[in-house]
Amino acid sequence: MNKLIFIFLSFFLIGCYNNEKTEREIQEEYRTRIENVNKEFEEKQIQKIVDEYQIKYCWDTMNYEFSIEYDTIINSGIQLIEDMTLIDVFRIDSIVYLKTECHASPNIYFNLATSNPTIWKEIINKKDKNSLSYKYIFIVKIHEIKKVLFEYDVYEGDFDEYIECSASLEDSENFVGYGELIGVQKIFEIE
């Protein structure tokens, strides 16, 4: 009788484990589907912008070593920045600037001027009335780009029970660009 109870409990526990695993797999599959739908929607939105503004370049995909190599992109007119982080929003006289970090390789930091208050106010708030999260794509016209001269690096090490630190200025691979923020496209993302 004890063996029968043991076998029954074993099958019951294995069955419960398999059901939990199945639920996790279902949740993961659901999450993957949502990500695919979001990506497809984002690609359609981007293509719409590209067609409307006749955009040829996206700063996220650029990877040059020298500033002069970006001339073709700058002279192309309007470009996109898809993957970025907003670092700061500041004002000089009546012009508002958005300082962003474009996640290209190497990184490109942009100072983008805008006189449209609705653009930067919406981006600062980052949430709409329904508390949904959005991703922003910037439509820009960059006028100038140049390499950042130096980066400040700090090194820490633990040698012979003493912590040693050193700091140095090193040549930078990153760039800084200046231009205008023409527009912003808000793309829906599920949190």
Protein backbone atom coordinates (compact mmCIF):
# COMPACT_ATOMS: atom_id res chain seq x y z
CA MET A 1 0.00 0.00 0.00
CA ASN A 2 2.86 2.40 0.86
CA LYS A 3 4.45 1.66 -2.53
CA LEU A 4 1.17 2.44 -4.25
CA ILE A 5 0.90 5.80 -2.43
CA PHE A 6 4.56 6.54 -3.25
CA ILE A 7 4.01 5.78 -6.96
CA PHE A 8 0.81 7.88 -7.03
CA LEU A 9 2.56 10.85 -5.36
CA SER A 10 5.53 10.52 -7.72
CA PHE A 11 3.29 10.65 -10.81
CA PHE A 12 1.32 13.54 -9.30
CA LEU A 13 4.45 15.59 -8.57
CA ILE A 14 5.93 14.85 -12.01
CA GLY A 15 2.63 15.86 -13.59
CA CYS A 16 2.60 19.13 -11.64
CA TYR A 17 6.19 19.85 -12.64
CA ASN A 18 5.42 19.24 -16.31
CA ASN A 19 2.36 21.53 -16.13
CA GLU A 20 4.46 24.34 -14.62
CA LYS A 21 7.06 23.90 -17.30
CA THR A 22 4.37 23.98 -19.94
CA GLU A 23 2.96 27.20 -18.49
CA ARG A 24 6.44 28.76 -18.56
CA GLU A 25 6.88 27.67 -22.16
CA ILE A 26 3.49 29.17 -23.02
CA GLN A 27 4.44 32.45 -21.34
CA GLU A 28 7.78 32.52 -23.18
CA GLU A 29 6.05 31.79 -26.48
CA TYR A 30 3.55 34.59 -25.79
CA ARG A 31 6.38 37.01 -24.98
CA THR A 32 8.19 36.03 -28.19
CA ARG A 33 5.04 36.63 -30.24
CA ILE A 34 4.57 40.07 -28.70
CA GLU A 35 8.22 40.96 -29.40
CA ASN A 36 7.80 39.84 -33.03
CA VAL A 37 4.61 41.90 -33.43
CA ASN A 38 6.35 44.94 -31.88
CA LYS A 39 9.36 44.51 -34.17
CA GLU A 40 7.16 44.15 -37.26
CA PHE A 41 5.15 47.23 -36.28
CA GLU A 42 8.35 49.20 -35.62
CA GLU A 43 9.80 48.22 -39.00
CA LYS A 44 6.62 49.39 -40.76
CA GLN A 45 6.72 52.71 -38.89
CA ILE A 46 10.37 53.22 -39.79
CA GLN A 47 9.75 52.39 -43.44
CA LYS A 48 6.92 54.92 -43.49
CA ILE A 49 9.30 57.62 -42.16
CA VAL A 50 12.03 56.62 -44.61
CA ASP A 51 9.59 56.90 -47.52
CA GLU A 52 8.10 60.20 -46.34
CA TYR A 53 11.44 61.98 -45.80
CA GLN A 54 13.44 60.04 -48.43
CA ILE A 55 15.96 59.01 -45.79
CA LYS A 56 19.05 57.12 -46.92
CA TYR A 57 20.99 56.73 -43.67
CA CYS A 58 20.44 55.72 -40.07
CA TRP A 59 23.15 56.82 -37.65
CA ASP A 60 22.88 53.60 -35.64
CA THR A 61 24.41 51.61 -38.50
CA MET A 62 27.37 53.90 -39.19
CA ASN A 63 30.85 52.76 -38.23
CA TYR A 64 33.66 54.97 -39.47
CA GLU A 65 37.07 55.77 -38.09
CA PHE A 66 37.43 59.37 -39.29
CA SER A 67 35.05 62.36 -39.21
CA ILE A 68 35.43 63.07 -42.91
CA GLU A 69 33.99 59.64 -43.74
CA TYR A 70 30.61 60.86 -42.43
CA ASP A 71 30.41 63.66 -45.06
CA THR A 72 28.23 61.60 -47.43
CA ILE A 73 25.72 61.01 -44.63
CA ILE A 74 25.70 64.66 -43.53
CA ASN A 75 25.21 65.81 -47.15
CA SER A 76 22.35 63.34 -47.70
CA GLY A 77 19.82 65.62 -46.01
CA ILE A 78 17.69 64.03 -43.30
CA GLN A 79 18.71 60.94 -41.32
CA LEU A 80 17.33 58.70 -38.56
CA ILE A 81 18.51 57.82 -35.08
CA GLU A 82 16.75 54.66 -33.89
CA ASP A 83 18.71 53.34 -30.92
CA MET A 84 19.69 56.05 -28.48
CA THR A 85 19.66 57.24 -24.91
CA LEU A 86 18.55 60.72 -23.95
CA ILE A 87 21.27 62.20 -21.75
CA ASP A 88 20.08 65.75 -21.18
CA VAL A 89 17.69 68.47 -22.30
CA PHE A 90 18.96 72.04 -21.92
CA ARG A 91 18.19 75.52 -23.18
CA ILE A 92 20.43 78.18 -24.68
CA ASP A 93 18.44 81.37 -25.29
CA SER A 94 15.17 80.25 -26.90
CA ILE A 95 16.53 77.03 -28.42
CA VAL A 96 16.19 73.70 -26.59
CA TYR A 97 18.86 71.06 -27.16
CA LEU A 98 18.55 67.33 -26.67
CA LYS A 99 21.83 65.62 -25.92
CA THR A 100 21.67 61.97 -26.96
CA GLU A 101 23.96 58.99 -27.16
CA CYS A 102 23.49 56.99 -30.34
CA HIS A 103 24.34 53.35 -29.75
CA ALA A 104 26.43 52.92 -32.85
CA SER A 105 29.91 51.52 -32.70
CA PRO A 106 31.75 53.75 -31.91
CA ASN A 107 29.24 55.80 -29.91
CA ILE A 108 28.07 59.08 -31.37
CA TYR A 109 26.85 61.84 -29.05
CA PHE A 110 24.48 64.34 -30.66
CA ASN A 111 23.42 67.82 -29.60
CA LEU A 112 20.11 68.34 -31.41
CA ALA A 113 18.45 71.76 -31.53
CA THR A 114 14.68 72.19 -31.57
CA SER A 115 12.38 75.14 -31.08
CA ASN A 116 9.30 72.88 -30.85
CA PRO A 117 8.37 72.53 -27.15
CA THR A 118 5.91 69.69 -27.74
CA ILE A 119 8.72 67.43 -28.97
CA TRP A 120 10.98 67.69 -25.95
CA LYS A 121 8.19 67.86 -23.37
CA GLU A 122 6.67 64.62 -24.67
CA ILE A 123 10.04 62.88 -24.61
CA ILE A 124 10.78 64.01 -21.05
CA ASN A 125 7.45 62.65 -19.83
CA LYS A 126 8.00 59.30 -21.66
CA LYS A 127 4.56 58.08 -20.64
CA ASP A 128 1.18 58.77 -22.08
CA LYS A 129 -2.09 59.06 -20.18
CA ASN A 130 -2.53 55.29 -20.10
CA SER A 131 0.99 54.69 -18.69
CA LEU A 132 2.19 52.79 -21.73
CA SER A 133 5.84 52.86 -22.66
CA TYR A 134 7.04 54.24 -25.98
CA LYS A 135 10.25 54.15 -27.96
CA TYR A 136 11.22 57.27 -29.90
CA ILE A 137 12.88 57.49 -33.29
CA PHE A 138 14.51 60.83 -34.06
CA ILE A 139 14.34 62.39 -37.50
CA VAL A 140 17.42 64.61 -37.69
CA LYS A 141 19.54 66.77 -39.95
CA ILE A 142 23.13 66.66 -38.75
CA HIS A 143 25.38 69.54 -39.85
CA GLU A 144 28.69 68.60 -38.28
CA ILE A 145 30.43 65.62 -36.73
CA LYS A 146 33.89 65.28 -35.25
CA LYS A 147 35.82 62.91 -33.07
CA VAL A 148 35.92 63.41 -29.32
CA LEU A 149 39.55 64.22 -28.56
CA PHE A 150 40.00 62.49 -25.22
CA GLU A 151 38.29 60.11 -22.83
CA TYR A 152 39.00 59.98 -19.14
CA ASP A 153 39.54 56.40 -17.95
CA VAL A 154 40.02 55.21 -14.39
CA TYR A 155 41.65 51.87 -13.70
CA GLU A 156 41.35 50.04 -10.42
CA GLY A 157 43.43 47.09 -9.40
CA ASP A 158 44.00 45.00 -6.31
CA PHE A 159 47.70 44.28 -6.06
CA ASP A 160 49.41 42.87 -2.97
CA GLU A 161 46.48 43.68 -0.68
CA TYR A 162 46.51 47.35 -1.68
CA ILE A 163 44.00 48.92 -3.99
CA GLU A 164 45.73 50.86 -6.70
CA CYS A 165 44.04 53.35 -8.98
CA SER A 166 45.23 55.29 -11.94
CA ALA A 167 43.59 57.75 -14.28
CA SER A 168 44.55 58.66 -17.80
CA LEU A 169 43.45 60.64 -20.80
CA GLU A 170 43.24 58.46 -23.87
CA ASP A 171 42.41 59.07 -27.51
CA SER A 172 38.73 58.50 -28.11
CA GLU A 173 37.04 56.43 -30.80
CA ASN A 174 33.70 58.19 -30.17
CA PHE A 175 32.21 61.12 -32.08
CA VAL A 176 30.08 64.18 -31.31
CA GLY A 177 27.61 65.59 -33.82
CA TYR A 178 25.56 68.79 -34.04
CA GLY A 179 22.32 69.32 -35.87
CA GLU A 180 18.56 69.79 -35.80
CA LEU A 181 15.80 67.59 -34.48
CA ILE A 182 13.30 67.67 -37.37
CA GLY A 183 10.74 65.37 -35.80
CA VAL A 184 10.08 62.45 -33.51
CA GLN A 185 8.18 59.26 -34.21
CA LYS A 186 6.70 57.56 -31.17
CA ILE A 187 6.58 53.80 -31.46
CA PHE A 188 4.52 51.73 -29.06
CA GLU A 189 6.33 49.18 -26.90
CA ILE A 190 4.73 46.90 -24.35
CA GLU A 191 6.41 47.09 -20.96
